[in-house]
Amino acid sequence: MAKNLQVTIDKDSGFCFGVVYAIDMAEEILEEDGYLYCLGDIVHNDEEVARLKAKGLRIIGHQDLEGLRNEKVLIRAHGEAPETYRIALENNITLIDASCPVVLKLQNRIKTSYDENEKILIFGKHGHAEVIGLQGQTNNEALVFQDLEELDAVELPPAFTLYSQTTKSVDKFYAIKEELLRRGYEVKANDTICRQVSNRYEDLGDFARQYDKIVFVSGKKSSNGKVLYDVCRQANENSYFISGAEELDPTLFLEGETVGICGATSTPMWLMKDVKRALEQL
């Protein structure tokens, strides 16, 4: 069994400002009203969602929204499609809009492109909350793809505008743009990737190289969690992905090793501290 592990938490890991803003807003209203509806998981982290549910947060889906009247509903950082605002207006629902400013800016740019009759491609994860909101700006006409292979079976227009979900890999976005140009398409590329995520690639790689082992803490639903974990893996092959302290495997750690803990922009600091305590007790 491992003893005396030297455990350090990456100071730059944890919630991005968009998530902090949404959670602060929710906690303020929960404090006043004792309950608050939230459209979808407030953050892609089950542990943090459970903590807020215990304070009175009620997670609902879009179908539930249609049956709700005269209530307050929080829109999380991922943003929403225009349809959500229309339903809220009809049902006298007060929307507490915690959409991330980076996402709102992207929504506006996509809407402008659509209004100018541009054909739109979005590099993003199918069914992701942010992507649904982005597609909604185009009356769901934009083509969403996760990988270039998906486009092989599709007849693309000769000219189009390329956008990206805010948490995708910058390198992959530009590689896709170059490949589409090479294939002869006229591509207008809009790099709309959030720099709070992308700027962490380099720092995270540097952090991961400093330790014998890396424990990456993230919800399994987190898109940027997958991207950032890959960054860790490339920098340090002894990197392990967990969602909580209970998933730690004590046999992976040896006496006296140095362990770095880091996480996604949707990983709360309290959860990384839990993991640190659990490691130190091994």
C-alpha atoms as a PDB file:
ATOM      1  CA  MET A   1       0.000   0.000   0.000  1.00  0.00           C
ATOM      2  CA  ALA A   2       1.333   3.449  -0.874  1.00  0.00           C
ATOM      3  CA  LYS A   3       2.590   5.750   1.887  1.00  0.00           C
ATOM      4  CA  ASN A   4       3.701   9.358   1.982  1.00  0.00           C
ATOM      5  CA  LEU A   5       2.445  10.347  -1.429  1.00  0.00           C
ATOM      6  CA  GLN A   6       3.269  13.951  -2.249  1.00  0.00           C
ATOM      7  CA  VAL A   7       0.034  15.316  -3.708  1.00  0.00           C
ATOM      8  CA  THR A   8      -0.388  18.683  -5.447  1.00  0.00           C
ATOM      9  CA  ILE A   9      -3.536  20.217  -6.984  1.00  0.00           C
ATOM     10  CA  ASP A  10      -3.101  22.228 -10.189  1.00  0.00           C
ATOM     11  CA  LYS A  11      -3.997  25.808  -9.165  1.00  0.00           C
ATOM     12  CA  ASP A  12      -5.316  26.585 -12.670  1.00  0.00           C
ATOM     13  CA  SER A  13      -7.765  23.665 -12.738  1.00  0.00           C
ATOM     14  CA  GLY A  14     -11.403  23.935 -11.776  1.00  0.00           C
ATOM     15  CA  PHE A  15     -14.421  25.938 -12.844  1.00  0.00           C
ATOM     16  CA  CYS A  16     -14.175  28.436 -15.691  1.00  0.00           C
ATOM     17  CA  PHE A  17     -15.780  31.870 -15.153  1.00  0.00           C
ATOM     18  CA  GLY A  18     -18.955  30.842 -17.054  1.00  0.00           C
ATOM     19  CA  VAL A  19     -19.627  27.970 -14.650  1.00  0.00           C
ATOM     20  CA  VAL A  20     -18.735  30.042 -11.563  1.00  0.00           C
ATOM     21  CA  TYR A  21     -21.201  32.714 -12.732  1.00  0.00           C
ATOM     22  CA  ALA A  22     -24.039  30.176 -13.213  1.00  0.00           C
ATOM     23  CA  ILE A  23     -23.457  28.453  -9.856  1.00  0.00           C
ATOM     24  CA  ASP A  24     -23.185  31.761  -7.960  1.00  0.00           C
ATOM     25  CA  MET A  25     -26.471  32.864  -9.518  1.00  0.00           C
ATOM     26  CA  ALA A  26     -28.177  29.582  -8.592  1.00  0.00           C
ATOM     27  CA  GLU A  27     -26.925  29.638  -4.993  1.00  0.00           C
ATOM     28  CA  GLU A  28     -28.108  33.225  -4.510  1.00  0.00           C
ATOM     29  CA  ILE A  29     -31.663  32.359  -5.581  1.00  0.00           C
ATOM     30  CA  LEU A  30     -31.675  29.056  -3.640  1.00  0.00           C
ATOM     31  CA  GLU A  31     -30.720  31.054  -0.554  1.00  0.00           C
ATOM     32  CA  GLU A  32     -33.701  33.394  -1.077  1.00  0.00           C
ATOM     33  CA  ASP A  33     -36.392  31.076  -2.457  1.00  0.00           C
ATOM     34  CA  GLY A  34     -35.397  27.625  -1.209  1.00  0.00           C
ATOM     35  CA  TYR A  35     -35.744  26.103  -4.676  1.00  0.00           C
ATOM     36  CA  LEU A  36     -34.942  26.873  -8.316  1.00  0.00           C
ATOM     37  CA  TYR A  37     -35.600  25.097 -11.608  1.00  0.00           C
ATOM     38  CA  CYS A  38     -32.605  24.573 -13.889  1.00  0.00           C
ATOM     39  CA  LEU A  39     -32.909  23.578 -17.532  1.00  0.00           C
ATOM     40  CA  GLY A  40     -30.540  20.599 -17.796  1.00  0.00           C
ATOM     41  CA  ASP A  41     -27.568  19.808 -15.534  1.00  0.00           C
ATOM     42  CA  ILE A  42     -26.098  23.121 -14.367  1.00  0.00           C
ATOM     43  CA  VAL A  43     -22.618  21.698 -14.990  1.00  0.00           C
ATOM     44  CA  HIS A  44     -21.375  18.396 -16.445  1.00  0.00           C
ATOM     45  CA  ASN A  45     -20.331  17.094 -13.066  1.00  0.00           C
ATOM     46  CA  ASP A  46     -22.643  14.725 -11.170  1.00  0.00           C
ATOM     47  CA  GLU A  47     -21.110  15.466  -7.753  1.00  0.00           C
ATOM     48  CA  GLU A  48     -21.602  19.224  -8.047  1.00  0.00           C
ATOM     49  CA  VAL A  49     -25.157  18.717  -9.389  1.00  0.00           C
ATOM     50  CA  ALA A  50     -25.937  16.501  -6.357  1.00  0.00           C
ATOM     51  CA  ARG A  51     -24.573  19.183  -3.986  1.00  0.00           C
ATOM     52  CA  LEU A  52     -26.856  21.846  -5.505  1.00  0.00           C
ATOM     53  CA  LYS A  53     -29.868  19.501  -5.656  1.00  0.00           C
ATOM     54  CA  ALA A  54     -29.500  19.078  -1.897  1.00  0.00           C
ATOM     55  CA  LYS A  55     -29.883  22.880  -1.631  1.00  0.00           C
ATOM     56  CA  GLY A  56     -33.107  22.800  -3.659  1.00  0.00           C
ATOM     57  CA  LEU A  57     -32.032  22.892  -7.311  1.00  0.00           C
ATOM     58  CA  ARG A  58     -34.579  21.079  -9.484  1.00  0.00           C
ATOM     59  CA  ILE A  59     -33.212  19.828 -12.811  1.00  0.00           C
ATOM     60  CA  ILE A  60     -35.800  19.781 -15.597  1.00  0.00           C
ATOM     61  CA  GLY A  61     -35.819  18.987 -19.324  1.00  0.00           C
ATOM     62  CA  HIS A  62     -37.304  20.930 -22.230  1.00  0.00           C
ATOM     63  CA  GLN A  63     -40.554  18.932 -22.082  1.00  0.00           C
ATOM     64  CA  ASP A  64     -41.002  19.893 -18.404  1.00  0.00           C
ATOM     65  CA  LEU A  65     -40.520  23.547 -19.332  1.00  0.00           C
ATOM     66  CA  GLU A  66     -43.633  23.463 -21.527  1.00  0.00           C
ATOM     67  CA  GLY A  67     -45.755  22.396 -18.536  1.00  0.00           C
ATOM     68  CA  LEU A  68     -44.312  25.001 -16.157  1.00  0.00           C
ATOM     69  CA  ARG A  69     -46.061  28.313 -15.405  1.00  0.00           C
ATOM     70  CA  ASN A  70     -45.096  31.445 -13.423  1.00  0.00           C
ATOM     71  CA  GLU A  71     -41.759  30.088 -12.159  1.00  0.00           C
ATOM     72  CA  LYS A  72     -38.083  31.053 -12.271  1.00  0.00           C
ATOM     73  CA  VAL A  73     -35.868  28.880 -14.472  1.00  0.00           C
ATOM     74  CA  LEU A  74     -32.090  29.076 -14.717  1.00  0.00           C
ATOM     75  CA  ILE A  75     -30.418  28.824 -18.111  1.00  0.00           C
ATOM     76  CA  ARG A  76     -26.966  27.371 -17.557  1.00  0.00           C
ATOM     77  CA  ALA A  77     -23.666  28.479 -19.118  1.00  0.00           C
ATOM     78  CA  HIS A  78     -24.175  26.340 -22.267  1.00  0.00           C
ATOM     79  CA  GLY A  79     -26.872  28.698 -23.552  1.00  0.00           C
ATOM     80  CA  GLU A  80     -30.240  27.916 -25.162  1.00  0.00           C
ATOM     81  CA  ALA A  81     -31.976  27.972 -28.532  1.00  0.00           C
ATOM     82  CA  PRO A  82     -34.518  30.763 -29.357  1.00  0.00           C
ATOM     83  CA  GLU A  83     -37.385  28.280 -28.859  1.00  0.00           C
ATOM     84  CA  THR A  84     -36.673  28.181 -25.095  1.00  0.00           C
ATOM     85  CA  TYR A  85     -37.129  31.960 -24.787  1.00  0.00           C
ATOM     86  CA  ARG A  86     -40.379  31.754 -26.782  1.00  0.00           C
ATOM     87  CA  ILE A  87     -41.852  29.094 -24.446  1.00  0.00           C
ATOM     88  CA  ALA A  88     -40.772  31.097 -21.372  1.00  0.00           C
ATOM     89  CA  LEU A  89     -42.557  34.174 -22.698  1.00  0.00           C
ATOM     90  CA  GLU A  90     -45.767  32.222 -23.353  1.00  0.00           C
ATOM     91  CA  ASN A  91     -45.710  30.517 -19.932  1.00  0.00           C
ATOM     92  CA  ASN A  92     -44.829  33.608 -17.904  1.00  0.00           C
ATOM     93  CA  ILE A  93     -41.524  32.028 -16.849  1.00  0.00           C
ATOM     94  CA  THR A  94     -38.775  34.298 -15.533  1.00  0.00           C
ATOM     95  CA  LEU A  95     -35.516  33.155 -17.099  1.00  0.00           C
ATOM     96  CA  ILE A  96     -32.409  33.577 -14.971  1.00  0.00           C
ATOM     97  CA  ASP A  97     -29.970  33.680 -17.874  1.00  0.00           C
ATOM     98  CA  ALA A  98     -26.505  32.468 -16.903  1.00  0.00           C
ATOM     99  CA  SER A  99     -25.429  31.781 -20.496  1.00  0.00           C
ATOM    100  CA  CYS A 100     -21.663  32.148 -20.795  1.00  0.00           C
ATOM    101  CA  PRO A 101     -20.708  35.407 -22.598  1.00  0.00           C
ATOM    102  CA  VAL A 102     -18.382  33.409 -24.900  1.00  0.00           C
ATOM    103  CA  VAL A 103     -21.302  31.165 -25.931  1.00  0.00           C
ATOM    104  CA  LEU A 104     -23.656  34.141 -26.403  1.00  0.00           C
ATOM    105  CA  LYS A 105     -21.128  35.847 -28.679  1.00  0.00           C
ATOM    106  CA  LEU A 106     -20.873  32.656 -30.744  1.00  0.00           C
ATOM    107  CA  GLN A 107     -24.672  32.331 -30.948  1.00  0.00           C
ATOM    108  CA  ASN A 108     -24.877  35.895 -32.267  1.00  0.00           C
ATOM    109  CA  ARG A 109     -22.206  35.275 -34.893  1.00  0.00           C
ATOM    110  CA  ILE A 110     -23.945  32.112 -36.096  1.00  0.00           C
ATOM    111  CA  LYS A 111     -27.307  33.887 -36.224  1.00  0.00           C
ATOM    112  CA  THR A 112     -25.775  36.723 -38.287  1.00  0.00           C
ATOM    113  CA  SER A 113     -24.236  34.187 -40.709  1.00  0.00           C
ATOM    114  CA  TYR A 114     -27.579  32.431 -41.013  1.00  0.00           C
ATOM    115  CA  ASP A 115     -29.446  35.700 -41.618  1.00  0.00           C
ATOM    116  CA  GLU A 116     -26.949  36.434 -44.408  1.00  0.00           C
ATOM    117  CA  ASN A 117     -27.875  33.076 -46.010  1.00  0.00           C
ATOM    118  CA  GLU A 118     -24.477  31.486 -45.411  1.00  0.00           C
ATOM    119  CA  LYS A 119     -24.277  27.684 -45.293  1.00  0.00           C
ATOM    120  CA  ILE A 120     -23.068  26.750 -41.799  1.00  0.00           C
ATOM    121  CA  LEU A 121     -21.015  23.825 -40.481  1.00  0.00           C
ATOM    122  CA  ILE A 122     -20.477  23.389 -36.742  1.00  0.00           C
ATOM    123  CA  PHE A 123     -17.623  21.251 -35.402  1.00  0.00           C
ATOM    124  CA  GLY A 124     -19.164  19.960 -32.163  1.00  0.00           C
ATOM    125  CA  LYS A 125     -20.553  17.066 -30.185  1.00  0.00           C
ATOM    126  CA  HIS A 126     -23.940  15.748 -31.322  1.00  0.00           C
ATOM    127  CA  GLY A 127     -26.653  16.374 -28.730  1.00  0.00           C
ATOM    128  CA  HIS A 128     -24.455  18.584 -26.529  1.00  0.00           C
ATOM    129  CA  ALA A 129     -26.429  21.350 -24.798  1.00  0.00           C
ATOM    130  CA  GLU A 130     -24.281  24.123 -26.261  1.00  0.00           C
ATOM    131  CA  VAL A 131     -24.475  22.661 -29.773  1.00  0.00           C
ATOM    132  CA  ILE A 132     -28.292  22.374 -29.593  1.00  0.00           C
ATOM    133  CA  GLY A 133     -28.391  26.085 -28.699  1.00  0.00           C
ATOM    134  CA  LEU A 134     -26.060  26.938 -31.608  1.00  0.00           C
ATOM    135  CA  GLN A 135     -28.072  24.891 -34.101  1.00  0.00           C
ATOM    136  CA  GLY A 136     -31.210  26.628 -32.852  1.00  0.00           C
ATOM    137  CA  GLN A 137     -29.837  29.940 -34.178  1.00  0.00           C
ATOM    138  CA  THR A 138     -30.062  28.448 -37.692  1.00  0.00           C
ATOM    139  CA  ASN A 139     -33.550  26.956 -37.428  1.00  0.00           C
ATOM    140  CA  ASN A 140     -31.664  23.632 -36.993  1.00  0.00           C
ATOM    141  CA  GLU A 141     -30.344  23.882 -40.553  1.00  0.00           C
ATOM    142  CA  ALA A 142     -26.620  23.991 -39.656  1.00  0.00           C
ATOM    143  CA  LEU A 143     -24.719  20.757 -40.203  1.00  0.00           C
ATOM    144  CA  VAL A 144     -23.099  19.447 -37.012  1.00  0.00           C
ATOM    145  CA  PHE A 145     -20.183  16.998 -37.227  1.00  0.00           C
ATOM    146  CA  GLN A 146     -17.796  15.489 -34.679  1.00  0.00           C
ATOM    147  CA  ASP A 147     -15.202  14.129 -37.111  1.00  0.00           C
ATOM    148  CA  LEU A 148     -14.232  14.710 -40.714  1.00  0.00           C
ATOM    149  CA  GLU A 149     -15.243  11.119 -41.569  1.00  0.00           C
ATOM    150  CA  GLU A 150     -18.874  12.114 -40.974  1.00  0.00           C
ATOM    151  CA  LEU A 151     -18.639  14.572 -43.867  1.00  0.00           C
ATOM    152  CA  ASP A 152     -17.494  11.910 -46.353  1.00  0.00           C
ATOM    153  CA  ALA A 153     -21.063  10.724 -46.842  1.00  0.00           C
ATOM    154  CA  VAL A 154     -22.505  14.244 -47.135  1.00  0.00           C
ATOM    155  CA  GLU A 155     -22.716  16.441 -50.200  1.00  0.00           C
ATOM    156  CA  LEU A 156     -21.394  19.771 -48.960  1.00  0.00           C
ATOM    157  CA  PRO A 157     -22.079  23.115 -50.633  1.00  0.00           C
ATOM    158  CA  PRO A 158     -19.043  24.565 -52.506  1.00  0.00           C
ATOM    159  CA  ALA A 159     -18.778  27.444 -49.990  1.00  0.00           C
ATOM    160  CA  PHE A 160     -19.651  27.541 -46.286  1.00  0.00           C
ATOM    161  CA  THR A 161     -18.804  29.084 -42.913  1.00  0.00           C
ATOM    162  CA  LEU A 162     -17.171  26.852 -40.306  1.00  0.00           C
ATOM    163  CA  TYR A 163     -17.790  27.341 -36.575  1.00  0.00           C
ATOM    164  CA  SER A 164     -16.830  25.316 -33.508  1.00  0.00           C
ATOM    165  CA  GLN A 165     -18.324  24.455 -30.140  1.00  0.00           C
ATOM    166  CA  THR A 166     -16.434  26.619 -27.617  1.00  0.00           C
ATOM    167  CA  THR A 167     -14.715  23.713 -25.816  1.00  0.00           C
ATOM    168  CA  LYS A 168     -13.252  21.884 -28.832  1.00  0.00           C
ATOM    169  CA  SER A 169      -9.542  21.484 -29.585  1.00  0.00           C
ATOM    170  CA  VAL A 170      -8.041  24.497 -31.416  1.00  0.00           C
ATOM    171  CA  ASP A 171      -5.528  22.297 -33.245  1.00  0.00           C
ATOM    172  CA  LYS A 172      -8.253  19.952 -34.453  1.00  0.00           C
ATOM    173  CA  PHE A 173     -10.396  22.884 -35.634  1.00  0.00           C
ATOM    174  CA  TYR A 174      -7.569  24.279 -37.771  1.00  0.00           C
ATOM    175  CA  ALA A 175      -6.654  20.813 -39.071  1.00  0.00           C
ATOM    176  CA  ILE A 176     -10.293  20.379 -40.201  1.00  0.00           C
ATOM    177  CA  LYS A 177     -10.274  23.817 -41.869  1.00  0.00           C
ATOM    178  CA  GLU A 178      -7.045  23.007 -43.759  1.00  0.00           C
ATOM    179  CA  GLU A 179      -8.340  19.618 -44.892  1.00  0.00           C
ATOM    180  CA  LEU A 180     -11.625  21.108 -46.173  1.00  0.00           C
ATOM    181  CA  LEU A 181      -9.669  23.786 -48.073  1.00  0.00           C
ATOM    182  CA  ARG A 182      -7.445  21.040 -49.511  1.00  0.00           C
ATOM    183  CA  ARG A 183     -10.581  19.262 -50.721  1.00  0.00           C
ATOM    184  CA  GLY A 184     -11.428  22.347 -52.751  1.00  0.00           C
ATOM    185  CA  TYR A 185     -14.156  23.962 -50.639  1.00  0.00           C
ATOM    186  CA  GLU A 186     -14.346  27.688 -50.027  1.00  0.00           C
ATOM    187  CA  VAL A 187     -14.182  27.826 -46.235  1.00  0.00           C
ATOM    188  CA  LYS A 188     -14.742  30.885 -44.068  1.00  0.00           C
ATOM    189  CA  ALA A 189     -13.492  29.718 -40.649  1.00  0.00           C
ATOM    190  CA  ASN A 190     -14.553  31.397 -37.407  1.00  0.00           C
ATOM    191  CA  ASP A 191     -12.387  30.281 -34.500  1.00  0.00           C
ATOM    192  CA  THR A 192     -14.818  30.682 -31.598  1.00  0.00           C
ATOM    193  CA  ILE A 193     -13.083  28.349 -29.158  1.00  0.00           C
ATOM    194  CA  CYS A 194     -12.954  29.581 -25.561  1.00  0.00           C
ATOM    195  CA  ARG A 195      -9.394  30.562 -24.664  1.00  0.00           C
ATOM    196  CA  GLN A 196     -10.005  29.745 -20.999  1.00  0.00           C
ATOM    197  CA  VAL A 197     -10.070  26.116 -22.145  1.00  0.00           C
ATOM    198  CA  SER A 198      -7.508  26.230 -24.958  1.00  0.00           C
ATOM    199  CA  ASN A 199      -4.943  28.293 -22.999  1.00  0.00           C
ATOM    200  CA  ARG A 200      -4.869  25.519 -20.438  1.00  0.00           C
ATOM    201  CA  TYR A 201      -3.457  22.954 -22.907  1.00  0.00           C
ATOM    202  CA  GLU A 202       0.113  24.200 -22.611  1.00  0.00           C
ATOM    203  CA  ASP A 203      -0.040  24.880 -18.864  1.00  0.00           C
ATOM    204  CA  LEU A 204      -1.650  21.490 -18.232  1.00  0.00           C
ATOM    205  CA  GLY A 205       0.992  19.677 -20.279  1.00  0.00           C
ATOM    206  CA  ASP A 206       3.714  21.438 -18.250  1.00  0.00           C
ATOM    207  CA  PHE A 207       1.923  20.521 -15.001  1.00  0.00           C
ATOM    208  CA  ALA A 208       1.494  16.837 -16.000  1.00  0.00           C
ATOM    209  CA  ARG A 209       5.202  16.422 -16.828  1.00  0.00           C
ATOM    210  CA  GLN A 210       6.235  17.448 -13.293  1.00  0.00           C
ATOM    211  CA  TYR A 211       4.784  14.395 -11.501  1.00  0.00           C
ATOM    212  CA  ASP A 212       5.169  10.618 -11.419  1.00  0.00           C
ATOM    213  CA  LYS A 213       1.396  10.143 -11.722  1.00  0.00           C
ATOM    214  CA  ILE A 214      -1.506  12.364 -12.722  1.00  0.00           C
ATOM    215  CA  VAL A 215      -5.077  11.990 -11.460  1.00  0.00           C
ATOM    216  CA  PHE A 216      -7.498  13.825 -13.737  1.00  0.00           C
ATOM    217  CA  VAL A 217     -10.864  14.485 -12.084  1.00  0.00           C
ATOM    218  CA  SER A 218     -13.864  15.128 -14.316  1.00  0.00           C
ATOM    219  CA  GLY A 219     -17.465  14.220 -14.994  1.00  0.00           C
ATOM    220  CA  LYS A 220     -17.787  11.632 -17.766  1.00  0.00           C
ATOM    221  CA  LYS A 221     -20.209  13.924 -19.664  1.00  0.00           C
ATOM    222  CA  SER A 222     -17.728  16.817 -19.846  1.00  0.00           C
ATOM    223  CA  SER A 223     -16.538  17.596 -23.389  1.00  0.00           C
ATOM    224  CA  ASN A 224     -13.570  19.688 -22.312  1.00  0.00           C
ATOM    225  CA  GLY A 225     -12.768  17.004 -19.717  1.00  0.00           C
ATOM    226  CA  LYS A 226     -12.058  14.532 -22.528  1.00  0.00           C
ATOM    227  CA  VAL A 227      -9.929  17.081 -24.410  1.00  0.00           C
ATOM    228  CA  LEU A 228      -7.917  18.117 -21.327  1.00  0.00           C
ATOM    229  CA  TYR A 229      -7.419  14.508 -20.175  1.00  0.00           C
ATOM    230  CA  ASP A 230      -5.903  13.741 -23.599  1.00  0.00           C
ATOM    231  CA  VAL A 231      -3.498  16.647 -23.056  1.00  0.00           C
ATOM    232  CA  CYS A 232      -2.434  15.040 -19.735  1.00  0.00           C
ATOM    233  CA  ARG A 233      -2.049  11.609 -21.314  1.00  0.00           C
ATOM    234  CA  GLN A 234       0.187  12.978 -24.057  1.00  0.00           C
ATOM    235  CA  ALA A 235       2.401  14.742 -21.512  1.00  0.00           C
ATOM    236  CA  ASN A 236       2.414  11.898 -18.964  1.00  0.00           C
ATOM    237  CA  GLU A 237       1.328   8.355 -19.846  1.00  0.00           C
ATOM    238  CA  ASN A 238       0.721   7.628 -16.139  1.00  0.00           C
ATOM    239  CA  SER A 239      -2.470   9.718 -16.153  1.00  0.00           C
ATOM    240  CA  TYR A 240      -5.722   8.337 -14.753  1.00  0.00           C
ATOM    241  CA  PHE A 241      -9.269   9.614 -15.312  1.00  0.00           C
ATOM    242  CA  ILE A 242     -11.659   9.465 -12.341  1.00  0.00           C
ATOM    243  CA  SER A 243     -14.954  11.146 -11.460  1.00  0.00           C
ATOM    244  CA  GLY A 244     -14.524  10.954  -7.689  1.00  0.00           C
ATOM    245  CA  ALA A 245     -12.274   9.707  -4.864  1.00  0.00           C
ATOM    246  CA  GLU A 246     -14.126   6.362  -4.690  1.00  0.00           C
ATOM    247  CA  GLU A 247     -12.741   5.474  -8.160  1.00  0.00           C
ATOM    248  CA  LEU A 248      -9.094   5.678  -6.999  1.00  0.00           C
ATOM    249  CA  ASP A 249      -7.145   2.425  -7.365  1.00  0.00           C
ATOM    250  CA  PRO A 250      -4.632   2.256  -4.463  1.00  0.00           C
ATOM    251  CA  THR A 251      -2.504  -0.316  -6.329  1.00  0.00           C
ATOM    252  CA  LEU A 252      -1.509   2.316  -8.915  1.00  0.00           C
ATOM    253  CA  PHE A 253       0.486   4.398  -6.423  1.00  0.00           C
ATOM    254  CA  LEU A 254       3.895   3.625  -4.926  1.00  0.00           C
ATOM    255  CA  GLU A 255       5.531   4.899  -1.757  1.00  0.00           C
ATOM    256  CA  GLY A 256       7.062   8.362  -2.040  1.00  0.00           C
ATOM    257  CA  GLU A 257       5.650   9.114  -5.493  1.00  0.00           C
ATOM    258  CA  THR A 258       4.618  12.596  -6.558  1.00  0.00           C
ATOM    259  CA  VAL A 259       1.017  12.895  -7.737  1.00  0.00           C
ATOM    260  CA  GLY A 260      -0.554  15.838  -9.551  1.00  0.00           C
ATOM    261  CA  ILE A 261      -4.320  16.390  -9.450  1.00  0.00           C
ATOM    262  CA  CYS A 262      -6.049  18.409 -12.155  1.00  0.00           C
ATOM    263  CA  GLY A 263      -9.488  18.631 -13.732  1.00  0.00           C
ATOM    264  CA  ALA A 264     -11.879  20.038 -16.311  1.00  0.00           C
ATOM    265  CA  THR A 265     -13.462  23.494 -16.401  1.00  0.00           C
ATOM    266  CA  SER A 266     -16.541  21.753 -14.971  1.00  0.00           C
ATOM    267  CA  THR A 267     -14.692  20.148 -12.022  1.00  0.00           C
ATOM    268  CA  PRO A 268     -15.273  21.813  -8.624  1.00  0.00           C
ATOM    269  CA  MET A 269     -12.220  22.516  -6.468  1.00  0.00           C
ATOM    270  CA  TRP A 270     -13.857  20.812  -3.461  1.00  0.00           C
ATOM    271  CA  LEU A 271     -13.940  17.548  -5.429  1.00  0.00           C
ATOM    272  CA  MET A 272     -10.228  17.754  -6.270  1.00  0.00           C
ATOM    273  CA  LYS A 273      -9.543  18.434  -2.562  1.00  0.00           C
ATOM    274  CA  ASP A 274     -11.538  15.281  -1.672  1.00  0.00           C
ATOM    275  CA  VAL A 275      -9.340  13.277  -4.049  1.00  0.00           C
ATOM    276  CA  LYS A 276      -6.197  14.838  -2.537  1.00  0.00           C
ATOM    277  CA  ARG A 277      -7.315  13.816   0.984  1.00  0.00           C
ATOM    278  CA  ALA A 278      -8.087  10.277  -0.179  1.00  0.00           C
ATOM    279  CA  LEU A 279      -4.660   9.962  -1.832  1.00  0.00           C
ATOM    280  CA  GLU A 280      -2.875  11.258   1.256  1.00  0.00           C
ATOM    281  CA  GLN A 281      -4.667   8.647   3.375  1.00  0.00           C
ATOM    282  CA  LEU A 282      -3.471   5.750   1.216  1.00  0.00           C
END
